[in-house]
Amino acid sequence: MAQYNYDDFVHDVKQKLQACHEVARANLMKSKQQRVAQHAKVKMPIFHKGDKVLLRNEKAGKSSSLWEGPSIYEIDPNGINVILEISRKKKIKVHVNRLKAYHAK
């Protein structure tokens, strides 16, 4: 019967670690592909300067309205954050996900 020595132990552990690394790497690649596919499905709303939009109130409670506005869409400096004109003197910068098109009744 052959003896199991230190070198054999190190070799076995190294092989097991490499196998685990390959599995983890494959799972990361699969996760990345799913994330890219999901990101491609997201459709950002398109607004033009002067459009009226509603702003989602993040602090809305049960008794207050979820949407505020209408506000006037001013400018889109980087495609994600936009500047809204709340009143003639007040302008705020918000993320485009907080906006919804306003349709007058």
Protein backbone atom coordinates (compact mmCIF):
# COMPACT_ATOMS: atom_id res chain seq x y z
CA MET A 1 0.00 0.00 0.00
CA ALA A 2 1.37 3.36 -1.08
CA GLN A 3 1.72 6.03 1.52
CA TYR A 4 -0.11 9.33 1.21
CA ASN A 5 2.59 11.95 1.76
CA TYR A 6 2.71 15.73 1.91
CA ASP A 7 3.41 16.18 -1.83
CA ASP A 8 0.38 14.08 -2.78
CA PHE A 9 -1.80 16.09 -0.40
CA VAL A 10 -0.62 19.41 -1.87
CA HIS A 11 -1.22 18.11 -5.40
CA ASP A 12 -4.78 16.97 -4.57
CA VAL A 13 -5.68 20.25 -2.87
CA LYS A 14 -4.28 22.21 -5.81
CA GLN A 15 -6.36 20.19 -8.29
CA LYS A 16 -9.51 20.64 -6.22
CA LEU A 17 -8.93 24.40 -5.97
CA GLN A 18 -8.41 24.65 -9.73
CA ALA A 19 -11.64 22.72 -10.35
CA CYS A 20 -13.52 25.04 -7.97
CA HIS A 21 -12.00 28.05 -9.71
CA GLU A 22 -13.20 26.79 -13.11
CA VAL A 23 -16.74 26.26 -11.78
CA ALA A 24 -16.80 29.72 -10.20
CA ARG A 25 -15.45 31.30 -13.40
CA ALA A 26 -18.12 29.56 -15.50
CA ASN A 27 -20.85 30.76 -13.10
CA LEU A 28 -19.54 34.33 -13.27
CA MET A 29 -19.57 34.29 -17.07
CA LYS A 30 -23.13 32.92 -17.10
CA SER A 31 -24.22 35.59 -14.63
CA LYS A 32 -22.58 38.31 -16.72
CA GLN A 33 -24.38 37.16 -19.87
CA GLN A 34 -27.73 37.17 -18.05
CA ARG A 35 -27.04 40.65 -16.66
CA VAL A 36 -26.14 42.01 -20.11
CA ALA A 37 -29.28 40.46 -21.61
CA GLN A 38 -31.45 41.98 -18.85
CA HIS A 39 -29.79 45.38 -19.26
CA ALA A 40 -30.55 45.32 -23.00
CA LYS A 41 -34.28 44.96 -22.20
CA VAL A 42 -34.43 48.21 -20.20
CA LYS A 43 -36.01 51.03 -22.20
CA MET A 44 -35.24 54.54 -21.02
CA PRO A 45 -38.07 57.03 -21.54
CA ILE A 46 -37.41 59.67 -24.19
CA PHE A 47 -38.39 63.25 -23.43
CA HIS A 48 -37.78 66.46 -25.37
CA LYS A 49 -37.07 69.96 -24.10
CA GLY A 50 -40.31 71.62 -23.02
CA ASP A 51 -42.25 68.39 -22.43
CA LYS A 52 -44.39 68.24 -19.31
CA VAL A 53 -43.52 65.38 -16.97
CA LEU A 54 -44.61 64.07 -13.60
CA LEU A 55 -42.02 63.54 -10.88
CA ARG A 56 -42.31 60.52 -8.58
CA ASN A 57 -42.43 61.56 -4.93
CA GLU A 58 -40.04 59.18 -3.14
CA LYS A 59 -41.28 60.27 0.28
CA ALA A 60 -44.98 59.81 -0.46
CA GLY A 61 -46.98 58.26 2.32
CA LYS A 62 -50.40 56.67 2.26
CA SER A 63 -52.27 59.97 2.24
CA SER A 64 -50.06 61.94 -0.16
CA SER A 65 -49.89 61.73 -3.94
CA LEU A 66 -47.27 59.48 -5.53
CA TRP A 67 -46.69 61.85 -8.47
CA GLU A 68 -45.93 65.59 -8.36
CA GLY A 69 -46.21 68.03 -11.18
CA PRO A 70 -46.43 68.66 -14.00
CA SER A 71 -42.92 70.03 -14.34
CA ILE A 72 -41.17 71.19 -17.48
CA TYR A 73 -38.37 69.02 -18.87
CA GLU A 74 -35.36 71.27 -19.40
CA ILE A 75 -32.15 69.50 -20.32
CA ASP A 76 -30.53 66.09 -20.31
CA PRO A 77 -26.81 66.66 -19.71
CA ASN A 78 -25.66 63.03 -19.60
CA GLY A 79 -28.64 60.87 -20.57
CA ILE A 80 -29.40 59.61 -17.07
CA ASN A 81 -29.88 62.66 -14.86
CA VAL A 82 -32.16 65.43 -16.09
CA ILE A 83 -32.91 68.98 -15.02
CA LEU A 84 -36.55 69.89 -14.36
CA GLU A 85 -38.06 73.33 -13.97
CA ILE A 86 -40.36 73.07 -10.97
CA SER A 87 -41.17 76.78 -10.93
CA ARG A 88 -39.66 79.77 -12.68
CA LYS A 89 -36.96 80.08 -10.02
CA LYS A 90 -36.53 76.48 -8.92
CA LYS A 91 -34.76 73.81 -10.98
CA ILE A 92 -33.82 70.36 -9.72
CA LYS A 93 -31.71 67.51 -11.03
CA VAL A 94 -33.30 64.04 -10.88
CA HIS A 95 -32.76 60.58 -12.32
CA VAL A 96 -34.79 59.78 -15.44
CA ASN A 97 -36.35 56.74 -13.71
CA ARG A 98 -38.33 59.12 -11.49
CA LEU A 99 -40.14 60.69 -14.47
CA LYS A 100 -43.34 59.86 -16.30
CA ALA A 101 -44.93 61.64 -19.25
CA TYR A 102 -47.76 64.02 -18.36
CA HIS A 103 -50.95 63.75 -20.41
CA ALA A 104 -53.46 66.59 -19.88
CA LYS A 105 -57.07 65.53 -19.47
